[in-house]
Amino acid sequence: MENGDVVLAERSCLQKYQFSHGDVVLFKCPSDHRELFVKRLIALPGEWMQLPGTPDIIKIPEGHCWVEGDNAACSWDSRSFGPIPLGLIKRRVTHVIWPPSKIGRVDTKMPENRISPL
């Protein structure tokens, strides 16, 4: 997804924070709650994950998650601001409805070898 895309997003996932790896979520920016971001959910509370581009492995704190943009080269995400509180997530994006060339369901996809079984 890119700036200017129009999406459908549901919020029933918020009832019990029912998220899955690879979900695309809409959340309030941790440093400016007036801004909304759309990023992919990479790690969930209590999971160990490898930081991108490093050998470092961190544990995601309870009540937090790790989010990343699909375009790593120019995405401001958890690689910049760290894990985000689950309370900042407002919706899960399910479909792109504009522009017409992108209409369709949003794929749930996950980068390989990021979650560690530690």
C-alpha atoms as a PDB file:
ATOM      1  CA  MET A   1       0.000   0.000   0.000  1.00  0.00           C
ATOM      2  CA  GLU A   2       1.073   3.539  -0.632  1.00  0.00           C
ATOM      3  CA  ASN A   3       0.048   7.032   0.442  1.00  0.00           C
ATOM      4  CA  GLY A   4      -3.237   7.847  -1.250  1.00  0.00           C
ATOM      5  CA  ASP A   5      -4.577   4.280  -1.236  1.00  0.00           C
ATOM      6  CA  VAL A   6      -8.066   3.964   0.241  1.00  0.00           C
ATOM      7  CA  VAL A   7      -8.588   0.883   2.416  1.00  0.00           C
ATOM      8  CA  LEU A   8     -11.268  -0.979   4.318  1.00  0.00           C
ATOM      9  CA  ALA A   9     -10.331  -1.732   7.908  1.00  0.00           C
ATOM     10  CA  GLU A  10     -12.146  -3.666  10.607  1.00  0.00           C
ATOM     11  CA  ARG A  11     -11.963  -3.209  14.339  1.00  0.00           C
ATOM     12  CA  SER A  12     -13.462  -6.435  15.715  1.00  0.00           C
ATOM     13  CA  CYS A  13      -9.855  -7.620  16.122  1.00  0.00           C
ATOM     14  CA  LEU A  14      -9.543  -5.109  18.983  1.00  0.00           C
ATOM     15  CA  GLN A  15     -11.991  -6.916  21.271  1.00  0.00           C
ATOM     16  CA  LYS A  16      -9.325  -9.330  22.493  1.00  0.00           C
ATOM     17  CA  TYR A  17      -6.359  -8.050  20.474  1.00  0.00           C
ATOM     18  CA  GLN A  18      -6.786 -10.908  18.007  1.00  0.00           C
ATOM     19  CA  PHE A  19      -3.925 -10.265  15.623  1.00  0.00           C
ATOM     20  CA  SER A  20      -1.790 -12.589  13.523  1.00  0.00           C
ATOM     21  CA  HIS A  21       1.710 -12.354  12.115  1.00  0.00           C
ATOM     22  CA  GLY A  22       1.634 -10.504   8.816  1.00  0.00           C
ATOM     23  CA  ASP A  23      -1.614  -8.607   9.478  1.00  0.00           C
ATOM     24  CA  VAL A  24      -1.641  -5.051   8.161  1.00  0.00           C
ATOM     25  CA  VAL A  25      -2.736  -2.723  10.968  1.00  0.00           C
ATOM     26  CA  LEU A  26      -3.740   0.924  11.260  1.00  0.00           C
ATOM     27  CA  PHE A  27      -2.317   2.539  14.413  1.00  0.00           C
ATOM     28  CA  LYS A  28      -1.619   5.889  16.019  1.00  0.00           C
ATOM     29  CA  CYS A  29       1.964   7.092  15.747  1.00  0.00           C
ATOM     30  CA  PRO A  30       3.728   6.556  19.101  1.00  0.00           C
ATOM     31  CA  SER A  31       5.210  10.069  19.065  1.00  0.00           C
ATOM     32  CA  ASP A  32       2.205  11.968  17.615  1.00  0.00           C
ATOM     33  CA  HIS A  33      -1.193  10.421  18.284  1.00  0.00           C
ATOM     34  CA  ARG A  34      -2.801  12.662  15.625  1.00  0.00           C
ATOM     35  CA  GLU A  35      -0.970  10.725  12.898  1.00  0.00           C
ATOM     36  CA  LEU A  36      -2.121   7.311  11.658  1.00  0.00           C
ATOM     37  CA  PHE A  37       0.261   4.717  10.231  1.00  0.00           C
ATOM     38  CA  VAL A  38      -0.388   1.531   8.270  1.00  0.00           C
ATOM     39  CA  LYS A  39       2.257  -1.173   8.757  1.00  0.00           C
ATOM     40  CA  ARG A  40       2.621  -4.949   8.834  1.00  0.00           C
ATOM     41  CA  LEU A  41       2.571  -6.782  12.183  1.00  0.00           C
ATOM     42  CA  ILE A  42       5.789  -8.786  12.554  1.00  0.00           C
ATOM     43  CA  ALA A  43       5.971  -9.883  16.213  1.00  0.00           C
ATOM     44  CA  LEU A  44       3.453 -10.237  19.035  1.00  0.00           C
ATOM     45  CA  PRO A  45       3.778  -9.760  22.824  1.00  0.00           C
ATOM     46  CA  GLY A  46       6.270 -12.086  24.505  1.00  0.00           C
ATOM     47  CA  GLU A  47       7.875 -13.283  21.262  1.00  0.00           C
ATOM     48  CA  TRP A  48      11.574 -13.258  20.514  1.00  0.00           C
ATOM     49  CA  MET A  49      12.507 -11.793  17.152  1.00  0.00           C
ATOM     50  CA  GLN A  50      15.610 -10.969  15.189  1.00  0.00           C
ATOM     51  CA  LEU A  51      16.115  -7.280  14.483  1.00  0.00           C
ATOM     52  CA  PRO A  52      16.331  -6.671  10.726  1.00  0.00           C
ATOM     53  CA  GLY A  53      19.848  -6.435   9.365  1.00  0.00           C
ATOM     54  CA  THR A  54      21.505  -7.439  12.656  1.00  0.00           C
ATOM     55  CA  PRO A  55      22.253 -10.618  14.601  1.00  0.00           C
ATOM     56  CA  ASP A  56      20.460  -9.098  17.630  1.00  0.00           C
ATOM     57  CA  ILE A  57      17.428 -10.873  19.072  1.00  0.00           C
ATOM     58  CA  ILE A  58      14.965  -9.034  21.329  1.00  0.00           C
ATOM     59  CA  LYS A  59      11.897 -10.027  23.304  1.00  0.00           C
ATOM     60  CA  ILE A  60       8.751  -8.039  22.559  1.00  0.00           C
ATOM     61  CA  PRO A  61       7.357  -6.711  25.862  1.00  0.00           C
ATOM     62  CA  GLU A  62       3.924  -7.830  27.024  1.00  0.00           C
ATOM     63  CA  GLY A  63       1.229  -5.491  25.702  1.00  0.00           C
ATOM     64  CA  HIS A  64       3.377  -4.470  22.701  1.00  0.00           C
ATOM     65  CA  CYS A  65       4.024  -5.571  19.129  1.00  0.00           C
ATOM     66  CA  TRP A  66       6.579  -4.951  16.372  1.00  0.00           C
ATOM     67  CA  VAL A  67       5.447  -3.357  13.084  1.00  0.00           C
ATOM     68  CA  GLU A  68       7.314  -2.744   9.831  1.00  0.00           C
ATOM     69  CA  GLY A  69       6.490  -1.211   6.485  1.00  0.00           C
ATOM     70  CA  ASP A  70       6.736  -3.375   3.383  1.00  0.00           C
ATOM     71  CA  ASN A  71       9.132  -0.858   1.812  1.00  0.00           C
ATOM     72  CA  ALA A  72      11.984  -1.146   4.324  1.00  0.00           C
ATOM     73  CA  ALA A  73      14.173   1.450   2.599  1.00  0.00           C
ATOM     74  CA  CYS A  74      11.829   4.339   3.370  1.00  0.00           C
ATOM     75  CA  SER A  75       9.529   3.192   6.173  1.00  0.00           C
ATOM     76  CA  TRP A  76       9.324   4.821   9.597  1.00  0.00           C
ATOM     77  CA  ASP A  77       8.312   1.918  11.816  1.00  0.00           C
ATOM     78  CA  SER A  78       9.417  -0.168  14.826  1.00  0.00           C
ATOM     79  CA  ARG A  79      12.959  -0.168  13.459  1.00  0.00           C
ATOM     80  CA  SER A  80      12.910   3.553  14.323  1.00  0.00           C
ATOM     81  CA  PHE A  81      10.614   3.770  17.359  1.00  0.00           C
ATOM     82  CA  GLY A  82      10.707   0.232  18.799  1.00  0.00           C
ATOM     83  CA  PRO A  83       7.773  -1.950  19.847  1.00  0.00           C
ATOM     84  CA  ILE A  84       4.420  -0.161  19.992  1.00  0.00           C
ATOM     85  CA  PRO A  85       1.703  -0.575  22.628  1.00  0.00           C
ATOM     86  CA  LEU A  86      -1.200  -2.712  21.408  1.00  0.00           C
ATOM     87  CA  GLY A  87      -3.504   0.083  22.588  1.00  0.00           C
ATOM     88  CA  LEU A  88      -2.328   2.267  19.692  1.00  0.00           C
ATOM     89  CA  ILE A  89      -3.741  -0.183  17.121  1.00  0.00           C
ATOM     90  CA  LYS A  90      -7.109   1.029  15.865  1.00  0.00           C
ATOM     91  CA  ARG A  91      -7.966  -1.380  13.031  1.00  0.00           C
ATOM     92  CA  ARG A  92      -6.795  -4.262  10.846  1.00  0.00           C
ATOM     93  CA  VAL A  93      -6.699  -3.451   7.124  1.00  0.00           C
ATOM     94  CA  THR A  94      -8.557  -6.051   5.050  1.00  0.00           C
ATOM     95  CA  HIS A  95      -8.958  -4.601   1.521  1.00  0.00           C
ATOM     96  CA  VAL A  96      -7.665  -1.878  -0.787  1.00  0.00           C
ATOM     97  CA  ILE A  97     -10.594  -0.167  -2.521  1.00  0.00           C
ATOM     98  CA  TRP A  98      -8.750   2.609  -4.395  1.00  0.00           C
ATOM     99  CA  PRO A  99      -7.062   2.982  -6.840  1.00  0.00           C
ATOM    100  CA  PRO A 100      -8.906   0.521  -9.110  1.00  0.00           C
ATOM    101  CA  SER A 101      -5.651  -1.126 -10.187  1.00  0.00           C
ATOM    102  CA  LYS A 102      -5.095  -2.308  -6.579  1.00  0.00           C
ATOM    103  CA  ILE A 103      -8.636  -3.315  -5.571  1.00  0.00           C
ATOM    104  CA  GLY A 104      -8.606  -6.522  -3.583  1.00  0.00           C
ATOM    105  CA  ARG A 105      -7.925  -8.282  -0.309  1.00  0.00           C
ATOM    106  CA  VAL A 106      -4.757  -7.347   1.589  1.00  0.00           C
ATOM    107  CA  ASP A 107      -2.425 -10.338   1.798  1.00  0.00           C
ATOM    108  CA  THR A 108      -1.180 -11.506   5.155  1.00  0.00           C
ATOM    109  CA  LYS A 109       2.516 -12.148   4.606  1.00  0.00           C
ATOM    110  CA  MET A 110       5.452 -12.499   6.917  1.00  0.00           C
ATOM    111  CA  PRO A 111       9.189 -12.008   6.340  1.00  0.00           C
ATOM    112  CA  GLU A 112      11.118 -15.281   6.678  1.00  0.00           C
ATOM    113  CA  ASN A 113      13.108 -16.290   9.787  1.00  0.00           C
ATOM    114  CA  ARG A 114      12.212 -13.316  11.983  1.00  0.00           C
ATOM    115  CA  ILE A 115      10.533 -14.990  14.943  1.00  0.00           C
ATOM    116  CA  SER A 116      12.924 -17.014  17.098  1.00  0.00           C
ATOM    117  CA  PRO A 117      11.884 -20.139  19.032  1.00  0.00           C
ATOM    118  CA  LEU A 118      13.937 -19.056  22.107  1.00  0.00           C
END
